[in-house]
Protein backbone atom coordinates (compact mmCIF):
# COMPACT_ATOMS: atom_id res chain seq x y z
CA MET A 1 12.80 -0.26 8.11
CA SER A 2 9.41 1.30 8.85
CA ILE A 3 8.05 -0.03 5.56
CA LEU A 4 9.19 -3.56 6.45
CA ALA A 5 7.79 -3.21 9.98
CA ARG A 6 4.33 -2.33 8.58
CA ALA A 7 4.34 -5.02 5.84
CA GLN A 8 3.02 -8.54 6.31
CA ALA A 9 5.51 -11.43 6.20
CA ALA A 10 3.80 -12.88 3.12
CA GLU A 11 4.17 -9.56 1.27
CA ILE A 12 7.89 -9.36 2.02
CA ALA A 13 8.47 -13.00 1.10
CA GLU A 14 6.58 -12.59 -2.18
CA ARG A 15 8.74 -9.61 -3.15
CA LEU A 16 11.97 -11.36 -2.15
CA ASP A 17 11.04 -14.39 -4.27
CA ALA A 18 11.27 -12.19 -7.38
CA LEU A 19 14.99 -11.59 -6.69
CA PRO A 20 17.95 -13.97 -6.83
CA PRO A 21 18.13 -16.12 -3.68
CA PRO A 22 19.80 -14.39 -0.73
CA PRO A 23 23.16 -15.65 0.51
CA PRO A 24 23.22 -18.09 3.41
CA HIS A 25 22.70 -16.52 6.80
CA ARG A 26 22.45 -17.59 10.40
CA ARG A 27 20.45 -16.23 13.27
CA LEU A 28 22.32 -14.30 15.92
CA ARG A 29 19.27 -13.59 18.07
CA GLY A 30 15.68 -14.72 17.90
CA PRO A 31 13.27 -14.20 16.55
CA GLU A 32 12.01 -13.48 20.04
CA THR A 33 8.95 -11.67 21.33
CA GLY A 34 8.78 -9.31 24.27
CA LEU A 35 7.17 -6.14 25.55
CA VAL A 36 8.26 -2.53 25.24
CA MET A 37 6.86 0.44 27.13
CA VAL A 38 5.20 2.98 24.87
CA ARG A 39 5.61 6.57 26.04
CA GLY A 40 3.43 9.51 25.12
CA ARG A 41 3.27 13.27 25.62
CA ALA A 42 0.17 15.30 26.32
CA GLY A 43 -0.35 17.66 23.42
CA GLY A 44 2.81 16.41 21.74
CA ASP A 45 5.09 18.61 23.82
CA GLY A 46 3.99 18.02 27.42
CA ALA A 47 5.63 15.91 30.06
CA PRO A 48 6.21 12.30 28.96
CA PHE A 49 4.09 9.56 30.51
CA ASN A 50 3.90 5.75 30.21
CA LEU A 51 1.02 4.99 27.86
CA GLY A 52 1.21 1.20 28.06
CA GLU A 53 3.03 -1.89 26.86
CA MET A 54 3.26 -3.17 23.30
CA THR A 55 4.30 -6.58 21.98
CA VAL A 56 7.37 -6.48 19.72
CA THR A 57 9.29 -9.24 17.93
CA ARG A 58 12.95 -8.81 17.07
CA CYS A 59 15.50 -10.79 15.11
CA SER A 60 19.18 -10.35 14.27
CA LEU A 61 21.06 -12.36 11.67
CA ARG A 62 24.45 -12.44 9.98
CA LEU A 63 25.09 -13.04 6.29
CA GLU A 64 28.01 -15.23 5.26
CA ASP A 65 30.06 -12.09 4.45
CA GLY A 66 29.68 -10.86 8.05
CA VAL A 67 27.01 -8.19 7.51
CA VAL A 68 24.50 -8.06 10.38
CA GLY A 69 20.84 -7.17 9.91
CA HIS A 70 18.22 -6.36 12.53
CA GLY A 71 14.45 -6.42 12.36
CA TYR A 72 11.90 -5.14 14.89
CA VAL A 73 8.18 -5.48 14.21
CA ALA A 74 5.03 -4.83 16.21
CA GLY A 75 3.24 -8.00 17.25
CA ARG A 76 4.28 -11.63 17.34
CA ASP A 77 5.13 -12.42 13.71
CA ALA A 78 8.52 -14.14 13.94
CA ARG A 79 8.73 -14.67 10.16
CA GLN A 80 8.16 -10.97 9.51
CA ALA A 81 10.94 -10.01 11.96
CA GLU A 82 13.35 -12.46 10.34
CA LEU A 83 12.56 -11.25 6.81
CA ALA A 84 12.94 -7.63 7.92
CA ALA A 85 16.36 -8.46 9.39
CA LEU A 86 17.35 -10.24 6.16
CA VAL A 87 16.34 -7.26 4.02
CA ASP A 88 18.18 -4.94 6.42
CA ALA A 89 21.37 -6.98 5.99
CA LEU A 90 20.98 -7.22 2.21
CA MET A 91 20.37 -3.46 1.88
CA GLN A 92 23.82 -2.80 3.34
CA ASN A 93 25.40 -4.25 0.18
CA PRO A 94 25.63 -1.41 -2.39
CA ALA A 95 25.38 -3.91 -5.27
CA ARG A 96 22.08 -5.38 -4.02
CA ARG A 97 20.50 -2.16 -2.74
CA PRO A 98 18.99 -0.79 -6.01
CA ALA A 99 17.32 -4.11 -6.85
CA LEU A 100 15.93 -4.43 -3.31
CA GLU A 101 14.60 -0.88 -3.36
CA ALA A 102 12.91 -1.45 -6.73
CA ALA A 103 11.54 -4.96 -6.12
CA VAL A 104 10.78 -4.94 -2.38
CA ILE A 105 10.75 -1.52 -0.71
CA ALA A 106 9.04 0.60 -3.40
CA PRO A 107 6.14 -1.83 -4.07
CA LEU A 108 5.53 -2.30 -0.34
CA ALA A 109 5.55 1.48 0.19
CA GLU A 110 3.08 1.97 -2.68
CA ALA A 111 0.74 -0.71 -1.32
CA GLN A 112 0.85 0.83 2.15
CA ALA A 113 0.15 4.31 0.74
CA ALA A 114 -2.80 2.93 -1.23
CA ARG A 115 -4.23 1.31 1.92
CA ARG A 116 -3.79 4.57 3.86
CA ASP A 117 -5.53 6.54 1.09
CA ALA A 118 -8.43 4.07 0.94
CA GLN A 119 -8.85 4.26 4.71
CA ALA A 120 -8.73 8.07 4.61
CA ARG A 121 -11.42 8.11 1.89
CA ARG A 122 -13.66 5.82 3.96
CA ALA A 123 -13.19 8.03 7.00
CA ALA A 124 -13.81 11.22 4.99
CA ALA A 125 -17.13 9.82 3.76
CA THR A 126 -18.43 9.85 7.34
CA ARG A 127 -17.17 13.34 8.17
CA VAL A 128 -19.73 15.78 9.54
CA GLU A 129 -19.29 19.52 9.03
CA PHE A 130 -20.55 21.00 12.28
CA PHE A 131 -20.17 24.55 10.97
CA THR A 132 -22.77 23.79 8.29
CA MET A 133 -25.15 22.30 10.85
CA THR A 134 -25.02 25.44 13.03
CA GLN A 135 -25.82 27.66 10.05
CA MET A 136 -28.94 25.61 9.27
CA ARG A 137 -30.69 26.52 12.55
């Protein structure tokens, strides 16, 4: 679910288009957007505190066979929440799961890892070694 929550709606839709069409489904709830309170902890283990509010979009749907899927995503992208809920419902079918993992989940995870690595390389290029600077005095 975290991979779907971090993916763009267009990325999910593109991956789903490579698979056979999903069965008919109907919305049970949403997609609807609201706010959630984000909590934090000082130092990771201190007393919890309210950090602030965050916009979240959720959607729930039911496939024709009765399986229910849920999707929660950060932001206001209703299409992304609906696609995440659809993939969640489809992943509950053992016959569909391997194809979904191979065609949707794995490629999205690889793309997200590549973006994280590229961002880490850009950040590392600006890193300053303060220990080296103190030795130069």
